[in-house]
Amino acid sequence: MVALIDVLFWFSSLYIFPFWLMMWFAPKHERTAALMRSEWVYLAPLAAAYTLAVLPNLASIFTQLASEMPTPEVVVGLFSERDVILIGWLHYLAFDLFVGRWTWQRLVATDQPLFVSFPVLLLSMMVAPLGAFIGLLVTREHSDEPAPSATPE
């Protein structure tokens, strides 16, 4: 019988691809915007999979992390367990997509061409902090603050 963690691994690993493909190859398309508009579509299923995986292991994870100050040795010991490694993978998938979406929004808002957005988003999938950092650099002129509204005179 297949373990639940294995099912969640495969579900999550495959679920992310349409979102990444759309952001990579059709970043400015209306269907991409529609897919990425709601966290309930792109993030909630991944968060639910993670929750199902982590809940049975939560006490063990908290006990290990609370019993002593996390050191490199403690973290390596924690990640020496198969389930914890796979839970970590689910964590990466969910948050890489979350950060990738944020980076994609900035790339679209600054009208970056595909030859810029694709490698940044590929890095966001594979090594999210590096992709996010490069995304910040290429969109550094972008402001997350709304433009001031015009007031009638």
C-alpha atoms as a PDB file:
ATOM      1  CA  MET A   1       0.000   0.000   0.000  1.00  0.00           C
ATOM      2  CA  VAL A   2       1.226   3.496  -0.858  1.00  0.00           C
ATOM      3  CA  ALA A   3       1.911   5.756   2.115  1.00  0.00           C
ATOM      4  CA  LEU A   4      -0.038   9.012   2.376  1.00  0.00           C
ATOM      5  CA  ILE A   5       3.179  11.040   2.347  1.00  0.00           C
ATOM      6  CA  ASP A   6       4.076   9.493  -1.029  1.00  0.00           C
ATOM      7  CA  VAL A   7       0.675  10.385  -2.490  1.00  0.00           C
ATOM      8  CA  LEU A   8       1.032  13.948  -1.182  1.00  0.00           C
ATOM      9  CA  PHE A   9       4.559  14.135  -2.631  1.00  0.00           C
ATOM     10  CA  TRP A  10       3.406  13.154  -6.120  1.00  0.00           C
ATOM     11  CA  PHE A  11       0.245  15.251  -5.999  1.00  0.00           C
ATOM     12  CA  SER A  12       2.156  18.387  -4.984  1.00  0.00           C
ATOM     13  CA  SER A  13       5.094  17.766  -7.320  1.00  0.00           C
ATOM     14  CA  LEU A  14       2.740  17.498 -10.315  1.00  0.00           C
ATOM     15  CA  TYR A  15       0.222  20.139  -9.202  1.00  0.00           C
ATOM     16  CA  ILE A  16       2.745  22.987  -9.422  1.00  0.00           C
ATOM     17  CA  PHE A  17       3.681  22.496 -13.090  1.00  0.00           C
ATOM     18  CA  PRO A  18       0.762  24.237 -14.839  1.00  0.00           C
ATOM     19  CA  PHE A  19       1.323  27.326 -12.704  1.00  0.00           C
ATOM     20  CA  TRP A  20       5.050  27.452 -13.410  1.00  0.00           C
ATOM     21  CA  LEU A  21       4.556  26.722 -17.115  1.00  0.00           C
ATOM     22  CA  MET A  22       2.054  29.563 -17.454  1.00  0.00           C
ATOM     23  CA  MET A  23       4.269  32.018 -15.563  1.00  0.00           C
ATOM     24  CA  TRP A  24       7.319  30.966 -17.617  1.00  0.00           C
ATOM     25  CA  PHE A  25       5.889  30.908 -21.105  1.00  0.00           C
ATOM     26  CA  ALA A  26       2.760  33.071 -20.966  1.00  0.00           C
ATOM     27  CA  PRO A  27       3.480  35.530 -18.172  1.00  0.00           C
ATOM     28  CA  LYS A  28       1.221  38.273 -19.527  1.00  0.00           C
ATOM     29  CA  HIS A  29      -1.648  36.076 -20.719  1.00  0.00           C
ATOM     30  CA  GLU A  30      -5.096  36.576 -19.163  1.00  0.00           C
ATOM     31  CA  ARG A  31      -5.333  32.866 -18.289  1.00  0.00           C
ATOM     32  CA  THR A  32      -2.087  33.077 -16.348  1.00  0.00           C
ATOM     33  CA  ALA A  33      -3.448  36.066 -14.452  1.00  0.00           C
ATOM     34  CA  ALA A  34      -6.695  34.177 -13.796  1.00  0.00           C
ATOM     35  CA  LEU A  35      -4.835  31.098 -12.503  1.00  0.00           C
ATOM     36  CA  MET A  36      -2.545  33.117 -10.259  1.00  0.00           C
ATOM     37  CA  ARG A  37      -5.173  35.567  -8.997  1.00  0.00           C
ATOM     38  CA  SER A  38      -6.456  33.428  -6.142  1.00  0.00           C
ATOM     39  CA  GLU A  39      -4.399  31.790  -3.425  1.00  0.00           C
ATOM     40  CA  TRP A  40      -7.274  29.285  -3.152  1.00  0.00           C
ATOM     41  CA  VAL A  41      -6.334  27.983  -6.606  1.00  0.00           C
ATOM     42  CA  TYR A  42      -2.543  27.937  -6.635  1.00  0.00           C
ATOM     43  CA  LEU A  43      -1.641  27.718  -2.926  1.00  0.00           C
ATOM     44  CA  ALA A  44      -4.455  26.197  -0.853  1.00  0.00           C
ATOM     45  CA  PRO A  45      -4.189  22.647  -2.311  1.00  0.00           C
ATOM     46  CA  LEU A  46      -0.441  22.658  -1.605  1.00  0.00           C
ATOM     47  CA  ALA A  47      -0.996  24.008   1.910  1.00  0.00           C
ATOM     48  CA  ALA A  48      -3.637  21.322   2.507  1.00  0.00           C
ATOM     49  CA  ALA A  49      -1.241  18.586   1.326  1.00  0.00           C
ATOM     50  CA  TYR A  50       1.481  19.976   3.605  1.00  0.00           C
ATOM     51  CA  THR A  51      -0.955  20.118   6.531  1.00  0.00           C
ATOM     52  CA  LEU A  52      -1.988  16.486   6.027  1.00  0.00           C
ATOM     53  CA  ALA A  53       1.678  15.487   5.979  1.00  0.00           C
ATOM     54  CA  VAL A  54       2.896  17.576   8.890  1.00  0.00           C
ATOM     55  CA  LEU A  55       0.086  17.053  11.424  1.00  0.00           C
ATOM     56  CA  PRO A  56       0.954  13.415  12.264  1.00  0.00           C
ATOM     57  CA  ASN A  57       4.589  14.484  12.738  1.00  0.00           C
ATOM     58  CA  LEU A  58       4.037  17.827  14.466  1.00  0.00           C
ATOM     59  CA  ALA A  59       4.644  16.644  18.031  1.00  0.00           C
ATOM     60  CA  SER A  60       7.891  14.946  17.040  1.00  0.00           C
ATOM     61  CA  ILE A  61       9.111  17.979  15.081  1.00  0.00           C
ATOM     62  CA  PHE A  62       8.251  20.391  17.918  1.00  0.00           C
ATOM     63  CA  THR A  63       9.828  18.109  20.504  1.00  0.00           C
ATOM     64  CA  GLN A  64      13.074  17.904  18.567  1.00  0.00           C
ATOM     65  CA  LEU A  65      13.221  21.642  17.890  1.00  0.00           C
ATOM     66  CA  ALA A  66      12.119  22.653  21.393  1.00  0.00           C
ATOM     67  CA  SER A  67      14.419  20.280  23.277  1.00  0.00           C
ATOM     68  CA  GLU A  68      17.519  22.252  22.390  1.00  0.00           C
ATOM     69  CA  MET A  69      18.636  25.257  20.409  1.00  0.00           C
ATOM     70  CA  PRO A  70      18.529  24.366  16.699  1.00  0.00           C
ATOM     71  CA  THR A  71      22.088  23.800  15.597  1.00  0.00           C
ATOM     72  CA  PRO A  72      23.295  22.428  12.278  1.00  0.00           C
ATOM     73  CA  GLU A  73      23.526  18.996  13.919  1.00  0.00           C
ATOM     74  CA  VAL A  74      19.959  19.176  15.284  1.00  0.00           C
ATOM     75  CA  VAL A  75      18.592  20.230  11.885  1.00  0.00           C
ATOM     76  CA  VAL A  76      20.524  17.465  10.089  1.00  0.00           C
ATOM     77  CA  GLY A  77      19.216  14.971  12.636  1.00  0.00           C
ATOM     78  CA  LEU A  78      15.671  16.185  12.085  1.00  0.00           C
ATOM     79  CA  PHE A  79      16.034  15.892   8.308  1.00  0.00           C
ATOM     80  CA  SER A  80      17.479  12.400   8.530  1.00  0.00           C
ATOM     81  CA  GLU A  81      13.940  11.010   8.790  1.00  0.00           C
ATOM     82  CA  ARG A  82      12.227  10.144   5.486  1.00  0.00           C
ATOM     83  CA  ASP A  83       8.864  11.706   6.377  1.00  0.00           C
ATOM     84  CA  VAL A  84      10.470  14.941   7.534  1.00  0.00           C
ATOM     85  CA  ILE A  85      12.487  15.166   4.309  1.00  0.00           C
ATOM     86  CA  LEU A  86       9.307  14.747   2.267  1.00  0.00           C
ATOM     87  CA  ILE A  87       7.456  17.256   4.454  1.00  0.00           C
ATOM     88  CA  GLY A  88      10.332  19.647   3.795  1.00  0.00           C
ATOM     89  CA  TRP A  89       9.888  19.035   0.059  1.00  0.00           C
ATOM     90  CA  LEU A  90       6.178  19.893   0.286  1.00  0.00           C
ATOM     91  CA  HIS A  91       7.157  23.044   2.172  1.00  0.00           C
ATOM     92  CA  TYR A  92       9.595  23.994  -0.610  1.00  0.00           C
ATOM     93  CA  LEU A  93       7.014  23.423  -3.338  1.00  0.00           C
ATOM     94  CA  ALA A  94       4.356  25.555  -1.659  1.00  0.00           C
ATOM     95  CA  PHE A  95       6.598  28.444  -0.723  1.00  0.00           C
ATOM     96  CA  ASP A  96       8.609  28.406  -3.934  1.00  0.00           C
ATOM     97  CA  LEU A  97       5.336  28.809  -5.831  1.00  0.00           C
ATOM     98  CA  PHE A  98       4.167  31.512  -3.420  1.00  0.00           C
ATOM     99  CA  VAL A  99       7.419  33.468  -3.812  1.00  0.00           C
ATOM    100  CA  GLY A 100       7.460  32.736  -7.556  1.00  0.00           C
ATOM    101  CA  ARG A 101       3.991  34.232  -7.899  1.00  0.00           C
ATOM    102  CA  TRP A 102       5.109  37.360  -6.040  1.00  0.00           C
ATOM    103  CA  THR A 103       8.157  37.633  -8.320  1.00  0.00           C
ATOM    104  CA  TRP A 104       5.994  37.006 -11.418  1.00  0.00           C
ATOM    105  CA  GLN A 105       3.654  39.821 -10.356  1.00  0.00           C
ATOM    106  CA  ARG A 106       6.595  42.230 -10.122  1.00  0.00           C
ATOM    107  CA  LEU A 107       7.979  41.081 -13.481  1.00  0.00           C
ATOM    108  CA  VAL A 108       4.609  41.614 -15.178  1.00  0.00           C
ATOM    109  CA  ALA A 109       4.057  44.963 -13.439  1.00  0.00           C
ATOM    110  CA  THR A 110       7.403  46.208 -14.775  1.00  0.00           C
ATOM    111  CA  ASP A 111       6.714  44.754 -18.251  1.00  0.00           C
ATOM    112  CA  GLN A 112       9.825  42.556 -18.289  1.00  0.00           C
ATOM    113  CA  PRO A 113      10.364  40.652 -21.551  1.00  0.00           C
ATOM    114  CA  LEU A 114      10.239  36.848 -21.629  1.00  0.00           C
ATOM    115  CA  PHE A 115      14.028  36.588 -21.948  1.00  0.00           C
ATOM    116  CA  VAL A 116      14.255  38.281 -18.527  1.00  0.00           C
ATOM    117  CA  SER A 117      11.202  36.820 -16.793  1.00  0.00           C
ATOM    118  CA  PHE A 118      11.765  33.177 -17.793  1.00  0.00           C
ATOM    119  CA  PRO A 119      15.224  32.708 -16.229  1.00  0.00           C
ATOM    120  CA  VAL A 120      14.228  34.646 -13.116  1.00  0.00           C
ATOM    121  CA  LEU A 121      11.140  32.469 -12.649  1.00  0.00           C
ATOM    122  CA  LEU A 122      13.071  29.277 -13.422  1.00  0.00           C
ATOM    123  CA  LEU A 123      15.474  30.218 -10.644  1.00  0.00           C
ATOM    124  CA  SER A 124      12.478  30.999  -8.443  1.00  0.00           C
ATOM    125  CA  MET A 125      11.275  27.431  -8.905  1.00  0.00           C
ATOM    126  CA  MET A 126      14.640  25.753  -8.454  1.00  0.00           C
ATOM    127  CA  VAL A 127      16.313  28.016  -5.873  1.00  0.00           C
ATOM    128  CA  ALA A 128      13.595  30.427  -4.739  1.00  0.00           C
ATOM    129  CA  PRO A 129      15.616  32.866  -2.616  1.00  0.00           C
ATOM    130  CA  LEU A 130      18.063  33.423  -5.501  1.00  0.00           C
ATOM    131  CA  GLY A 131      15.218  33.859  -8.004  1.00  0.00           C
ATOM    132  CA  ALA A 132      13.431  36.270  -5.671  1.00  0.00           C
ATOM    133  CA  PHE A 133      16.631  38.272  -5.170  1.00  0.00           C
ATOM    134  CA  ILE A 134      17.327  38.531  -8.893  1.00  0.00           C
ATOM    135  CA  GLY A 135      13.648  39.362  -9.413  1.00  0.00           C
ATOM    136  CA  LEU A 136      14.020  42.181  -6.895  1.00  0.00           C
ATOM    137  CA  LEU A 137      17.065  43.470  -8.748  1.00  0.00           C
ATOM    138  CA  VAL A 138      15.421  43.507 -12.196  1.00  0.00           C
ATOM    139  CA  THR A 139      12.216  45.056 -10.829  1.00  0.00           C
ATOM    140  CA  ARG A 140      13.867  47.481  -8.409  1.00  0.00           C
ATOM    141  CA  GLU A 141      11.933  50.415  -9.871  1.00  0.00           C
ATOM    142  CA  HIS A 142       8.622  48.704  -8.992  1.00  0.00           C
ATOM    143  CA  SER A 143       6.608  50.022  -6.077  1.00  0.00           C
ATOM    144  CA  ASP A 144       4.142  47.844  -4.218  1.00  0.00           C
ATOM    145  CA  GLU A 145       2.340  50.947  -3.027  1.00  0.00           C
ATOM    146  CA  PRO A 146      -0.743  51.966  -4.980  1.00  0.00           C
ATOM    147  CA  ALA A 147      -0.413  55.074  -7.103  1.00  0.00           C
ATOM    148  CA  PRO A 148      -1.934  58.135  -5.462  1.00  0.00           C
ATOM    149  CA  SER A 149      -5.456  58.712  -6.656  1.00  0.00           C
ATOM    150  CA  ALA A 150      -6.236  61.918  -8.465  1.00  0.00           C
ATOM    151  CA  THR A 151      -8.408  64.261  -6.504  1.00  0.00           C
ATOM    152  CA  PRO A 152     -10.828  66.446  -8.425  1.00  0.00           C
ATOM    153  CA  GLU A 153     -10.144  70.129  -8.163  1.00  0.00           C
END
